[in-house]
Amino acid sequence: MSANTTDQFFKHNVLGHPAGLFVLFFTEMWERFSYYGMRALLVLFLTASLLDEGWGWPREHAMALFGSYVGLVYLSTMMGGYFADKVIGYRWAVVVGALLMTMGHASMAVETQWSIYLGLGLLVIGNGFFKPNMTSIVSEMYKDRPEKKDGAYTIFYMGVNAGAFLGILLCGYLGEKVGWSLGFGLAGIFMFFGLVQFWLAQNIFGNIGLKPKKNDANSIEAQDNDKRVPFTPWQLGLIILMVLLGLMWILNAPATTITEGRVNVFSFLGPNGNNIAILMALGLFLILLFYRFTQYSKITREKLMAVSFFALLSVFFWAIFEQSPGTLTIFANDYTDRTLDGTSANVFRIVNAAMTIIPLGIITWVLFLLFKQTFGLYKWSNLILSLSFLIVWAIAIWMLLNQLKEEDLEVPASWFSVLNSLFIITLAPLFSKWWESKYNPSANMKYGIGMFLLGLGMACVAFGAGGIEPGAKTASVSMIWLILVYLFHTMGELCISPVGLSYVSKLVPARMIAFMFGVWYLAIAIGMKGAGVFGENVDKIANENGISYFFWILTAISIIVAVFSVVMSRIVKKLMHGVR
């Protein structure tokens, strides 16, 4: 067997896949644990009263900071991907990213003003290095086994959802019930475990992800014969200007809101300087994008236009979907009756125990299978992984025992976000079967269905909040409405999130994938910031018309975008030139 073939990774396999896939599985799991665990607490911490050891911020300020944070997380992936591809390689990018995120979580655990801001900054840069490069290693590992790649990504994304599930569940519980610093700190501890176990087992990947070599004859650039359209000096100058305007805006917008106008680098543009700056950046981007489209052949140009259309729809999807850690968590905290007693409390204890123990048991079994294959070669990595799971089991059992002792059980506000990961794990196989059947909808129909389900979820919470008077700060709405929101939103996500990146890879010529992935992540970043902008206005709308009105607005936007997607089906189908 050639040393260059990726078949060598299948010598030691777990569940029919290379053991290295499961090293990545657990590394990604701990990273998602830390990311989602911290994110579930951020808005709650910022808006909690000083008596509850929070910062006592208005919701508008908290959502402004949250929107910029999650937007920057996705923008930073372009920087991290570039450095990995051109300078340091995937492996070092993962290590650097994990280290920066560990430091970021540790900084947030201190809970001072500057430590929180420093922590968020480190998390943004760390995510940029980490996020795009884990999937790149998976892709390289299966280069000579493409038929097994779909299964590999399915397993890998189970790790993503398992980490998100456990992070929100445990960090959320500790943060709300014990102390914010413990929730933030726990996220950092498991990010550190993920870093160490990856570092100690990295030889399992052979030469994959090492520092890139120049002039590789097998590179995508060398293989791709599509028409080349290099960036000219004026185009590069325009990109630099756009990036500077975008970064200044995404940092300045929350600073202006939080300081109530005292800090505003765009004040010279007038009272609406922030809006003018970002509209200028978007306008320049659209001019450059459409100009470059004109430089390609007709078929390539039309395929790129189709990708851009789906990117536009994704902006609206993420802006509404990402209300989960923001306005929906605020709704859970302030407007939902989360106190249970008697039979309802016992039902919740049983359901929550099953939700906690069954996934942990399955993942522990996978860990045991990995040990059988790799313990002799990577003993210390396996021992670190074992220690991390012992701690998780201990915290999970302690949480369940504490809930048994509570007479009037209060469900943590962050708990509802757990439902997204739970529903994904449950429903993903069903949607996968649907996409493989003869009833597989077109791309536009998938987006239309996804946006309709998103709107249906928002309609549920809007209907449930219908009795809340304008200006009310608290209420006792039934939990069932939030459960329905997460059910419908997860189904919408399964229609849109996995589909979008797939179409980028199918429609875009190989040499241009990096550029169009940049466009795609830019669209997601705009959507994430849009979620914060929507959230900033929740109190204004709630005080004037009631919080139900806010969710009805999001419902209407979702339905309008769904109809638009379906109406455009024929046009976009022509642009795709037979790609399904």
Protein backbone atom coordinates (compact mmCIF):
# COMPACT_ATOMS: atom_id res chain seq x y z
CA MET A 1 0.00 0.00 0.00
CA SER A 2 1.40 3.42 -0.98
CA ALA A 3 2.33 5.69 1.88
CA ASN A 4 0.48 8.49 0.08
CA THR A 5 -2.89 6.76 -0.08
CA THR A 6 -5.45 7.59 2.57
CA ASP A 7 -6.38 3.89 2.78
CA GLN A 8 -3.67 3.63 5.46
CA PHE A 9 -6.02 5.37 7.92
CA PHE A 10 -8.47 2.46 7.72
CA LYS A 11 -6.03 0.00 9.33
CA HIS A 12 -7.39 0.90 12.77
CA ASN A 13 -11.10 1.52 12.40
CA VAL A 14 -14.02 2.22 14.69
CA LEU A 15 -17.53 1.48 13.39
CA GLY A 16 -16.02 1.07 9.92
CA HIS A 17 -14.24 4.44 9.92
CA PRO A 18 -10.65 5.48 10.74
CA ALA A 19 -9.88 5.92 14.42
CA GLY A 20 -8.62 9.40 13.50
CA LEU A 21 -12.18 10.44 12.64
CA PHE A 22 -13.16 9.85 16.26
CA VAL A 23 -10.20 11.86 17.55
CA LEU A 24 -11.66 14.71 15.48
CA PHE A 25 -15.16 13.79 16.70
CA PHE A 26 -14.20 14.30 20.35
CA THR A 27 -12.09 17.40 19.67
CA GLU A 28 -14.98 19.02 17.81
CA MET A 29 -17.40 17.87 20.50
CA TRP A 30 -15.49 19.70 23.25
CA GLU A 31 -15.14 22.80 21.09
CA ARG A 32 -18.89 22.89 20.44
CA PHE A 33 -19.46 22.16 24.15
CA SER A 34 -17.50 25.28 25.04
CA TYR A 35 -18.93 27.50 22.28
CA TYR A 36 -22.60 26.70 22.83
CA GLY A 37 -22.23 26.44 26.59
CA MET A 38 -20.86 29.98 26.83
CA ARG A 39 -23.25 31.36 24.20
CA ALA A 40 -26.28 30.03 26.09
CA LEU A 41 -25.22 32.12 29.11
CA LEU A 42 -23.98 35.33 27.49
CA VAL A 43 -27.26 37.25 27.07
CA LEU A 44 -28.61 35.92 30.38
CA PHE A 45 -25.46 37.09 32.20
CA LEU A 46 -25.48 40.53 30.57
CA THR A 47 -29.18 41.14 31.35
CA ALA A 48 -29.23 39.58 34.86
CA SER A 49 -29.61 42.11 37.66
CA LEU A 50 -26.66 43.18 39.80
CA LEU A 51 -28.31 41.30 42.70
CA ASP A 52 -28.07 38.14 40.58
CA GLU A 53 -24.39 38.92 39.92
CA GLY A 54 -25.05 39.91 36.31
CA TRP A 55 -24.31 43.22 34.62
CA GLY A 56 -27.89 44.52 34.62
CA TRP A 57 -27.72 45.64 30.98
CA PRO A 58 -30.83 46.58 28.99
CA ARG A 59 -31.77 43.89 26.48
CA GLU A 60 -30.96 46.26 23.62
CA HIS A 61 -27.33 46.55 24.75
CA ALA A 62 -26.96 42.81 25.33
CA MET A 63 -28.33 41.94 21.89
CA ALA A 64 -26.08 44.52 20.21
CA LEU A 65 -22.97 42.90 21.72
CA PHE A 66 -24.26 39.37 21.06
CA GLY A 67 -24.98 40.13 17.39
CA SER A 68 -21.49 41.49 16.78
CA TYR A 69 -19.88 38.57 18.59
CA VAL A 70 -21.58 35.81 16.58
CA GLY A 71 -21.16 37.78 13.35
CA LEU A 72 -17.42 38.13 13.93
CA VAL A 73 -17.14 34.40 14.72
CA TYR A 74 -18.22 33.58 11.15
CA LEU A 75 -16.22 36.37 9.53
CA SER A 76 -13.07 35.16 11.26
CA THR A 77 -13.33 31.74 9.55
CA MET A 78 -12.11 33.35 6.32
CA MET A 79 -8.95 34.54 8.05
CA GLY A 80 -8.37 31.19 9.75
CA GLY A 81 -8.96 29.26 6.54
CA TYR A 82 -6.47 31.44 4.66
CA PHE A 83 -3.70 31.04 7.26
CA ALA A 84 -4.23 27.28 7.38
CA ASP A 85 -4.22 26.88 3.59
CA LYS A 86 -1.25 29.16 2.91
CA VAL A 87 0.90 29.39 6.05
CA ILE A 88 0.61 27.00 9.01
CA GLY A 89 -1.49 24.03 7.90
CA TYR A 90 -4.73 22.63 9.30
CA ARG A 91 -3.25 21.00 12.39
CA TRP A 92 -1.48 24.03 13.76
CA ALA A 93 -4.55 26.13 12.98
CA VAL A 94 -6.67 23.79 15.12
CA VAL A 95 -4.14 23.92 17.96
CA VAL A 96 -3.80 27.72 17.83
CA GLY A 97 -7.58 28.11 17.68
CA ALA A 98 -8.21 25.76 20.60
CA LEU A 99 -5.55 27.50 22.72
CA LEU A 100 -7.00 30.95 22.03
CA MET A 101 -10.51 29.74 22.88
CA THR A 102 -9.30 28.15 26.12
CA MET A 103 -7.75 31.50 27.09
CA GLY A 104 -10.95 33.27 26.03
CA HIS A 105 -13.18 31.15 28.27
CA ALA A 106 -10.75 31.54 31.17
CA SER A 107 -10.83 35.31 30.69
CA MET A 108 -14.65 35.37 30.70
CA ALA A 109 -14.73 33.40 33.96
CA VAL A 110 -13.09 36.40 35.71
CA GLU A 111 -16.27 38.42 34.91
CA THR A 112 -14.75 41.91 34.91
CA GLN A 113 -15.65 44.30 32.10
CA TRP A 114 -12.30 44.09 30.34
CA SER A 115 -11.93 40.34 30.88
CA ILE A 116 -15.31 39.70 29.24
CA TYR A 117 -14.42 41.82 26.21
CA LEU A 118 -10.95 40.26 26.01
CA GLY A 119 -12.49 36.79 26.29
CA LEU A 120 -14.97 37.47 23.47
CA GLY A 121 -12.14 38.77 21.27
CA LEU A 122 -10.02 35.66 21.89
CA LEU A 123 -13.02 33.42 21.20
CA VAL A 124 -13.68 35.17 17.88
CA ILE A 125 -10.08 34.74 16.66
CA GLY A 126 -9.86 31.19 18.07
CA ASN A 127 -13.05 30.14 16.30
CA GLY A 128 -11.67 31.53 13.07
CA PHE A 129 -8.62 29.27 13.26
CA PHE A 130 -10.49 26.21 14.56
CA LYS A 131 -13.84 26.02 12.78
CA PRO A 132 -12.97 25.72 9.05
CA ASN A 133 -10.00 23.40 9.50
CA MET A 134 -11.50 20.43 11.34
CA THR A 135 -13.72 19.59 8.36
CA SER A 136 -10.72 20.06 6.05
CA ILE A 137 -8.85 17.30 7.92
CA VAL A 138 -11.89 15.00 7.61
CA SER A 139 -12.05 15.70 3.87
CA GLU A 140 -8.35 14.93 3.38
CA MET A 141 -8.59 11.69 5.37
CA TYR A 142 -11.27 10.35 2.99
CA LYS A 143 -9.69 11.60 -0.26
CA ASP A 144 -9.32 8.05 -1.62
CA ARG A 145 -12.56 6.75 -0.07
CA PRO A 146 -15.17 9.24 -1.37
CA GLU A 147 -17.96 6.68 -1.01
CA LYS A 148 -17.53 6.76 2.78
CA LYS A 149 -17.32 10.55 3.10
CA ASP A 150 -21.06 11.13 3.63
CA GLY A 151 -21.05 8.66 6.51
CA ALA A 152 -17.95 10.29 7.96
CA TYR A 153 -19.53 13.74 7.97
CA THR A 154 -22.69 12.31 9.52
CA ILE A 155 -20.64 10.89 12.42
CA PHE A 156 -18.61 14.10 12.69
CA TYR A 157 -21.71 16.30 12.91
CA MET A 158 -23.14 14.01 15.56
CA GLY A 159 -20.12 15.12 17.58
CA VAL A 160 -21.02 18.75 16.85
CA ASN A 161 -24.56 18.27 18.14
CA ALA A 162 -23.51 16.13 21.10
CA GLY A 163 -21.12 18.89 22.19
CA ALA A 164 -23.75 21.61 21.76
CA PHE A 165 -26.28 19.52 23.69
CA LEU A 166 -24.00 18.79 26.65
CA GLY A 167 -22.52 22.31 26.72
CA ILE A 168 -25.88 24.08 26.91
CA LEU A 169 -27.22 21.53 29.40
CA LEU A 170 -24.31 21.57 31.87
CA CYS A 171 -22.80 25.05 31.42
CA GLY A 172 -26.31 26.50 31.38
CA TYR A 173 -27.27 24.72 34.60
CA LEU A 174 -24.09 25.69 36.45
CA GLY A 175 -24.22 29.28 35.22
CA GLU A 176 -27.86 29.87 36.16
CA LYS A 177 -28.04 27.82 39.35
CA VAL A 178 -24.56 28.16 40.88
CA GLY A 179 -22.61 31.04 39.36
CA TRP A 180 -21.89 32.62 35.99
CA SER A 181 -18.12 32.19 36.34
CA LEU A 182 -18.55 28.43 36.82
CA GLY A 183 -20.56 28.18 33.60
CA PHE A 184 -17.98 30.20 31.65
CA GLY A 185 -15.10 28.37 33.33
CA LEU A 186 -16.50 24.89 32.62
CA ALA A 187 -16.62 25.77 28.92
CA GLY A 188 -12.92 26.63 29.07
CA ILE A 189 -11.97 23.45 30.93
CA PHE A 190 -13.42 21.20 28.25
CA MET A 191 -11.95 23.28 25.45
CA PHE A 192 -8.58 22.65 27.11
CA PHE A 193 -9.29 18.90 27.28
CA GLY A 194 -10.12 18.92 23.58
CA LEU A 195 -6.88 20.73 22.79
CA VAL A 196 -4.68 18.33 24.81
CA GLN A 197 -6.25 15.11 23.50
CA PHE A 198 -5.92 16.38 19.89
CA TRP A 199 -2.27 17.41 20.40
CA LEU A 200 -1.30 14.07 21.94
CA ALA A 201 -3.00 12.03 19.19
CA GLN A 202 -2.17 14.16 16.14
CA ASN A 203 0.27 11.61 14.65
CA ILE A 204 -2.77 9.48 13.87
CA PHE A 205 -3.36 11.80 10.86
CA GLY A 206 -0.04 11.00 9.17
CA ASN A 207 0.96 13.89 6.88
CA ILE A 208 -2.52 15.40 6.72
CA GLY A 209 -2.75 19.01 7.83
CA LEU A 210 0.97 19.74 8.03
CA LYS A 211 2.43 23.02 6.79
CA PRO A 212 1.40 23.41 3.11
CA LYS A 213 3.98 23.08 0.35
CA LYS A 214 4.21 25.52 -2.52
CA ASN A 215 3.83 24.54 -6.18
CA ASP A 216 1.97 21.31 -5.41
CA ALA A 217 1.20 19.70 -8.78
CA ASN A 218 -1.88 18.04 -7.33
CA SER A 219 -3.38 21.24 -5.96
CA ILE A 220 -6.82 22.41 -7.00
CA GLU A 221 -5.27 25.36 -8.85
CA ALA A 222 -3.14 23.01 -10.94
CA GLN A 223 -6.05 20.70 -11.80
CA ASP A 224 -8.68 23.35 -12.52
CA ASN A 225 -8.87 24.49 -16.16
CA ASP A 226 -11.72 26.96 -15.60
CA LYS A 227 -11.17 30.54 -16.82
CA ARG A 228 -8.98 32.45 -14.37
CA VAL A 229 -10.02 35.95 -13.28
CA PRO A 230 -7.32 37.18 -10.88
CA PHE A 231 -8.05 40.11 -8.58
CA THR A 232 -6.65 43.35 -10.00
CA PRO A 233 -5.06 46.05 -7.79
CA TRP A 234 -8.23 48.20 -7.80
CA GLN A 235 -10.32 45.17 -6.80
CA LEU A 236 -7.95 44.31 -3.96
CA GLY A 237 -8.08 47.92 -2.82
CA LEU A 238 -11.89 47.78 -2.86
CA ILE A 239 -11.83 44.57 -0.80
CA ILE A 240 -9.54 46.18 1.80
CA LEU A 241 -11.87 49.20 2.02
CA MET A 242 -14.94 46.95 2.39
CA VAL A 243 -13.27 44.83 5.08
CA LEU A 244 -12.21 47.91 7.05
CA LEU A 245 -15.68 49.46 6.83
CA GLY A 246 -17.34 46.16 7.80
CA LEU A 247 -15.05 45.50 10.76
CA MET A 248 -15.31 49.08 12.03
CA TRP A 249 -19.09 48.88 11.78
CA ILE A 250 -19.50 45.51 13.48
CA LEU A 251 -17.30 46.72 16.38
CA ASN A 252 -18.62 50.28 16.48
CA ALA A 253 -22.35 49.44 16.31
CA PRO A 254 -22.55 47.80 19.78
CA ALA A 255 -20.12 50.36 21.22
CA THR A 256 -22.42 53.17 20.04
CA THR A 257 -25.49 51.43 21.47
CA ILE A 258 -23.92 50.50 24.81
CA THR A 259 -22.41 53.97 25.40
CA GLU A 260 -25.60 55.63 24.11
CA GLY A 261 -23.74 57.47 21.37
CA ARG A 262 -20.67 58.61 23.31
CA VAL A 263 -18.47 56.25 21.25
CA ASN A 264 -19.09 56.43 17.51
CA VAL A 265 -16.27 56.43 14.95
CA PHE A 266 -18.79 57.20 12.21
CA SER A 267 -20.21 60.29 13.91
CA PHE A 268 -18.79 62.43 11.06
CA LEU A 269 -21.36 60.79 8.77
CA GLY A 270 -24.21 62.14 10.90
CA PRO A 271 -26.68 60.56 13.36
CA ASN A 272 -27.13 57.53 11.08
CA GLY A 273 -23.39 57.10 10.50
CA ASN A 274 -23.37 53.40 11.38
CA ASN A 275 -26.09 52.62 8.86
CA ILE A 276 -24.45 54.71 6.14
CA ALA A 277 -21.08 52.97 6.68
CA ILE A 278 -22.44 49.42 6.42
CA LEU A 279 -24.62 50.31 3.40
CA MET A 280 -21.52 51.71 1.70
CA ALA A 281 -19.61 48.47 2.41
CA LEU A 282 -22.49 46.31 1.13
CA GLY A 283 -22.91 48.49 -1.94
CA LEU A 284 -19.21 48.20 -2.81
CA PHE A 285 -19.36 44.44 -2.25
CA LEU A 286 -22.33 44.03 -4.60
CA ILE A 287 -20.64 46.17 -7.27
CA LEU A 288 -17.48 44.04 -7.08
CA LEU A 289 -19.44 40.76 -7.00
CA PHE A 290 -21.55 41.59 -10.06
CA TYR A 291 -18.56 42.98 -11.95
CA ARG A 292 -16.66 39.74 -11.40
CA PHE A 293 -19.68 37.75 -12.55
CA THR A 294 -19.45 39.50 -15.92
CA GLN A 295 -15.88 38.24 -16.37
CA TYR A 296 -16.82 34.54 -16.40
CA SER A 297 -18.42 32.33 -19.03
CA LYS A 298 -22.23 32.36 -19.19
CA ILE A 299 -22.69 28.98 -17.44
CA THR A 300 -20.21 29.73 -14.65
CA ARG A 301 -21.71 33.20 -14.15
CA GLU A 302 -25.24 31.84 -13.84
CA LYS A 303 -24.19 29.14 -11.37
CA LEU A 304 -22.48 31.79 -9.24
CA MET A 305 -25.67 33.86 -9.35
CA ALA A 306 -27.63 30.84 -8.06
CA VAL A 307 -25.22 30.46 -5.13
CA SER A 308 -25.57 34.18 -4.37
CA PHE A 309 -29.37 33.83 -4.39
CA PHE A 310 -29.23 31.07 -1.77
CA ALA A 311 -26.72 33.11 0.24
CA LEU A 312 -29.23 35.99 0.29
CA LEU A 313 -31.98 33.70 1.60
CA SER A 314 -29.55 32.38 4.24
CA VAL A 315 -29.12 35.92 5.62
CA PHE A 316 -32.82 36.02 6.51
CA PHE A 317 -32.84 32.46 7.82
CA TRP A 318 -29.97 32.97 10.28
CA ALA A 319 -31.18 36.41 11.37
CA ILE A 320 -34.43 34.81 12.57
CA PHE A 321 -33.16 31.37 13.60
CA GLU A 322 -30.47 32.88 15.85
CA GLN A 323 -33.07 34.47 18.10
CA SER A 324 -32.55 31.27 20.13
CA PRO A 325 -29.73 32.45 22.44
CA GLY A 326 -31.16 36.00 22.41
CA THR A 327 -34.82 36.95 22.45
CA LEU A 328 -36.09 33.38 22.81
CA THR A 329 -33.86 32.83 25.85
CA ILE A 330 -35.04 36.17 27.26
CA PHE A 331 -38.62 35.02 26.63
CA ALA A 332 -37.89 31.77 28.46
CA ASN A 333 -36.31 33.63 31.38
CA ASP A 334 -38.85 36.44 31.85
CA TYR A 335 -42.12 35.42 30.23
CA THR A 336 -42.34 31.62 30.60
CA ASP A 337 -43.69 29.65 33.54
CA ARG A 338 -40.73 27.38 34.26
CA THR A 339 -41.73 26.27 37.77
CA LEU A 340 -42.98 22.68 37.96
CA ASP A 341 -44.38 20.66 40.84
CA GLY A 342 -46.04 17.31 41.45
CA THR A 343 -46.56 15.14 38.39
CA SER A 344 -45.25 17.71 35.90
CA ALA A 345 -41.98 18.01 37.86
CA ASN A 346 -41.57 14.23 37.93
CA VAL A 347 -42.23 13.97 34.19
CA PHE A 348 -39.56 16.62 33.54
CA ARG A 349 -37.07 14.81 35.83
CA ILE A 350 -37.59 11.54 33.94
CA VAL A 351 -37.36 13.18 30.50
CA ASN A 352 -34.32 15.25 31.44
CA ALA A 353 -32.55 12.23 32.97
CA ALA A 354 -33.17 10.19 29.81
CA MET A 355 -32.03 13.10 27.61
CA THR A 356 -28.82 13.34 29.64
CA ILE A 357 -27.87 9.73 30.34
CA ILE A 358 -28.74 8.06 27.02
CA PRO A 359 -26.59 10.33 24.78
CA LEU A 360 -23.76 10.26 27.34
CA GLY A 361 -23.96 6.48 27.46
CA ILE A 362 -23.79 6.18 23.65
CA ILE A 363 -20.82 8.55 23.41
CA THR A 364 -19.03 6.72 26.21
CA TRP A 365 -19.51 3.46 24.31
CA VAL A 366 -17.93 5.07 21.21
CA LEU A 367 -15.07 6.23 23.45
CA PHE A 368 -14.56 2.64 24.61
CA LEU A 369 -14.37 1.44 20.99
CA LEU A 370 -11.77 4.10 20.25
CA PHE A 371 -9.72 2.95 23.28
CA LYS A 372 -9.63 -0.59 21.96
CA GLN A 373 -8.04 0.60 18.72
CA THR A 374 -5.70 3.35 19.89
CA PHE A 375 -4.85 2.99 23.58
CA GLY A 376 -1.48 1.34 22.92
CA LEU A 377 -0.32 4.08 20.56
CA TYR A 378 -1.99 7.13 22.12
CA LYS A 379 -2.30 6.26 25.80
CA TRP A 380 -2.05 9.80 27.19
CA SER A 381 -4.57 11.22 24.75
CA ASN A 382 -7.03 8.49 25.75
CA LEU A 383 -6.42 9.10 29.45
CA ILE A 384 -7.14 12.83 29.04
CA LEU A 385 -10.32 11.93 27.18
CA SER A 386 -11.29 9.51 29.96
CA LEU A 387 -10.77 12.19 32.61
CA SER A 388 -12.94 14.65 30.72
CA PHE A 389 -15.77 12.11 30.50
CA LEU A 390 -15.52 11.26 34.19
CA ILE A 391 -15.98 14.97 34.97
CA VAL A 392 -18.94 15.24 32.60
CA TRP A 393 -20.60 12.18 34.15
CA ALA A 394 -20.00 13.58 37.65
CA ILE A 395 -21.54 16.97 36.80
CA ALA A 396 -24.48 15.38 34.98
CA ILE A 397 -25.31 13.05 37.89
CA TRP A 398 -24.90 15.91 40.39
CA MET A 399 -27.32 18.03 38.32
CA LEU A 400 -29.91 15.23 38.16
CA LEU A 401 -29.65 14.55 41.89
CA ASN A 402 -30.09 18.25 42.66
CA GLN A 403 -33.23 18.35 40.55
CA LEU A 404 -34.60 15.41 42.53
CA LYS A 405 -34.22 17.42 45.74
CA GLU A 406 -36.13 20.47 44.47
CA GLU A 407 -39.76 20.45 45.56
CA ASP A 408 -40.74 23.23 43.16
CA LEU A 409 -38.48 22.48 40.23
CA GLU A 410 -37.43 25.47 38.13
CA VAL A 411 -36.34 24.64 34.59
CA PRO A 412 -33.26 26.73 33.61
CA ALA A 413 -34.01 29.27 30.87
CA SER A 414 -31.04 27.98 28.85
CA TRP A 415 -32.47 24.43 28.91
CA PHE A 416 -34.80 25.10 25.98
CA SER A 417 -31.84 25.68 23.65
CA VAL A 418 -30.85 22.05 24.30
CA LEU A 419 -33.92 20.98 22.33
CA ASN A 420 -32.38 22.09 19.03
CA SER A 421 -29.52 19.57 19.28
CA LEU A 422 -31.85 16.87 20.61
CA PHE A 423 -34.29 17.31 17.72
CA ILE A 424 -31.44 17.38 15.17
CA ILE A 425 -30.07 14.05 16.42
CA THR A 426 -33.61 12.59 16.36
CA LEU A 427 -34.86 14.01 13.05
CA ALA A 428 -31.72 14.18 10.88
CA PRO A 429 -31.99 10.50 9.72
CA LEU A 430 -35.60 11.10 8.61
CA PHE A 431 -34.69 14.18 6.58
CA SER A 432 -31.71 12.36 5.09
CA LYS A 433 -34.05 9.59 3.88
CA TRP A 434 -36.36 12.24 2.42
CA TRP A 435 -33.50 13.85 0.45
CA GLU A 436 -32.49 10.42 -0.92
CA SER A 437 -36.03 9.48 -2.02
CA LYS A 438 -37.85 10.25 -5.27
CA TYR A 439 -39.70 12.99 -3.37
CA ASN A 440 -36.49 15.01 -2.88
CA PRO A 441 -37.54 18.68 -3.35
CA SER A 442 -35.63 21.17 -5.46
CA ALA A 443 -33.22 23.60 -3.80
CA ASN A 444 -35.77 26.43 -3.86
CA MET A 445 -38.46 24.21 -2.38
CA LYS A 446 -36.12 23.16 0.44
CA TYR A 447 -35.43 26.79 1.25
CA GLY A 448 -39.13 27.59 0.99
CA ILE A 449 -40.08 24.73 3.33
CA GLY A 450 -37.30 25.69 5.74
CA MET A 451 -38.39 29.35 5.89
CA PHE A 452 -42.05 28.34 6.28
CA LEU A 453 -41.17 26.07 9.23
CA LEU A 454 -39.14 28.92 10.72
CA GLY A 455 -42.18 31.17 10.45
CA LEU A 456 -44.43 28.48 11.91
CA GLY A 457 -42.16 28.27 14.95
CA MET A 458 -42.24 32.03 15.46
CA ALA A 459 -46.03 31.95 15.06
CA CYS A 460 -46.23 29.48 17.95
CA VAL A 461 -44.42 31.76 20.39
CA ALA A 462 -46.27 34.80 19.03
CA PHE A 463 -49.59 33.07 19.65
CA GLY A 464 -48.49 31.92 23.12
CA ALA A 465 -47.44 35.46 24.03
CA GLY A 466 -50.70 36.96 22.77
CA GLY A 467 -52.02 37.67 26.26
CA ILE A 468 -48.95 39.64 27.42
CA GLU A 469 -49.74 43.34 27.76
CA PRO A 470 -47.50 45.98 26.11
CA GLY A 471 -44.72 47.03 28.49
CA ALA A 472 -44.99 43.91 30.68
CA LYS A 473 -41.60 42.77 32.04
CA THR A 474 -42.74 39.34 33.24
CA ALA A 475 -45.43 36.75 32.42
CA SER A 476 -46.17 33.03 32.87
CA VAL A 477 -46.66 31.57 29.39
CA SER A 478 -46.75 27.78 29.07
CA MET A 479 -43.47 26.03 28.19
CA ILE A 480 -45.17 24.12 25.36
CA TRP A 481 -44.90 27.12 23.03
CA LEU A 482 -41.11 27.26 23.32
CA ILE A 483 -40.87 23.48 22.83
CA LEU A 484 -42.87 23.85 19.59
CA VAL A 485 -40.64 26.74 18.47
CA TYR A 486 -37.51 24.60 18.73
CA LEU A 487 -39.21 21.63 17.04
CA PHE A 488 -40.24 23.65 13.96
CA HIS A 489 -37.01 25.66 13.86
CA THR A 490 -34.92 22.49 13.92
CA MET A 491 -36.89 21.04 11.01
CA GLY A 492 -36.33 24.32 9.17
CA GLU A 493 -32.61 24.15 9.90
CA LEU A 494 -32.43 20.61 8.50
CA CYS A 495 -33.96 21.89 5.27
CA ILE A 496 -31.50 24.77 4.89
CA SER A 497 -28.25 24.51 6.84
CA PRO A 498 -26.80 21.25 5.38
CA VAL A 499 -28.17 22.03 1.92
CA GLY A 500 -26.50 25.42 1.42
CA LEU A 501 -22.86 24.35 1.68
CA SER A 502 -23.63 21.34 -0.51
CA TYR A 503 -24.81 23.62 -3.33
CA VAL A 504 -21.69 25.78 -3.05
CA SER A 505 -19.54 22.68 -3.63
CA LYS A 506 -21.76 21.50 -6.53
CA LEU A 507 -22.21 24.78 -8.39
CA VAL A 508 -18.86 26.54 -7.99
CA PRO A 509 -15.75 25.60 -10.05
CA ALA A 510 -13.12 24.02 -7.81
CA ARG A 511 -10.63 26.89 -8.06
CA MET A 512 -13.27 29.43 -6.97
CA ILE A 513 -14.67 27.51 -4.01
CA ALA A 514 -12.57 29.43 -1.47
CA PHE A 515 -13.90 32.79 -2.75
CA MET A 516 -17.54 31.64 -2.80
CA PHE A 517 -17.25 30.02 0.62
CA GLY A 518 -16.07 33.45 1.73
CA VAL A 519 -19.23 34.95 0.24
CA TRP A 520 -21.27 32.25 1.93
CA TYR A 521 -19.77 32.81 5.38
CA LEU A 522 -20.14 36.56 4.87
CA ALA A 523 -23.88 35.97 4.32
CA ILE A 524 -24.07 33.91 7.52
CA ALA A 525 -22.14 36.60 9.43
CA ILE A 526 -24.57 39.26 8.19
CA GLY A 527 -27.46 37.02 9.28
CA MET A 528 -25.92 36.56 12.72
CA LYS A 529 -25.47 40.30 13.15
CA GLY A 530 -29.01 40.72 11.83
CA ALA A 531 -30.23 38.50 14.67
CA GLY A 532 -28.69 40.97 17.09
CA VAL A 533 -30.24 43.95 15.25
CA PHE A 534 -33.68 42.33 15.47
CA GLY A 535 -33.09 41.62 19.16
CA GLU A 536 -32.06 45.21 19.86
CA ASN A 537 -35.58 46.31 18.96
CA VAL A 538 -37.48 43.77 21.06
CA ASP A 539 -38.09 46.12 23.99
CA LYS A 540 -39.17 49.05 21.81
CA ILE A 541 -41.71 46.87 20.04
CA ALA A 542 -42.80 45.08 23.23
CA ASN A 543 -43.39 48.36 25.06
CA GLU A 544 -45.51 49.79 22.24
CA ASN A 545 -47.38 46.76 20.88
CA GLY A 546 -46.53 43.80 23.13
CA ILE A 547 -43.80 41.18 22.71
CA SER A 548 -46.19 39.00 20.69
CA TYR A 549 -46.08 41.65 17.94
CA PHE A 550 -42.28 41.29 17.73
CA PHE A 551 -42.58 37.55 17.02
CA TRP A 552 -45.40 38.11 14.52
CA ILE A 553 -43.06 40.44 12.58
CA LEU A 554 -40.45 37.66 12.39
CA THR A 555 -43.21 35.23 11.34
CA ALA A 556 -44.25 37.52 8.48
CA ILE A 557 -40.67 37.99 7.26
CA SER A 558 -40.12 34.22 7.25
CA ILE A 559 -43.30 33.52 5.25
CA ILE A 560 -42.52 36.28 2.71
CA VAL A 561 -39.01 34.86 2.12
CA ALA A 562 -40.48 31.33 1.84
CA VAL A 563 -42.93 32.46 -0.86
CA PHE A 564 -40.16 34.39 -2.67
CA SER A 565 -37.97 31.26 -2.72
CA VAL A 566 -40.73 29.13 -4.23
CA VAL A 567 -41.74 31.80 -6.79
CA MET A 568 -38.11 32.04 -7.99
CA SER A 569 -37.85 28.26 -8.53
CA ARG A 570 -37.99 28.26 -12.34
CA ILE A 571 -35.51 31.11 -12.73
CA VAL A 572 -32.98 29.63 -10.28
CA LYS A 573 -33.38 26.16 -11.79
CA LYS A 574 -32.24 27.57 -15.16
CA LEU A 575 -29.28 29.25 -13.47
CA MET A 576 -28.21 25.93 -11.92
CA HIS A 577 -27.91 24.17 -15.30
CA GLY A 578 -29.13 20.76 -14.18
CA VAL A 579 -27.37 20.65 -10.80
CA ARG A 580 -29.64 19.19 -8.10
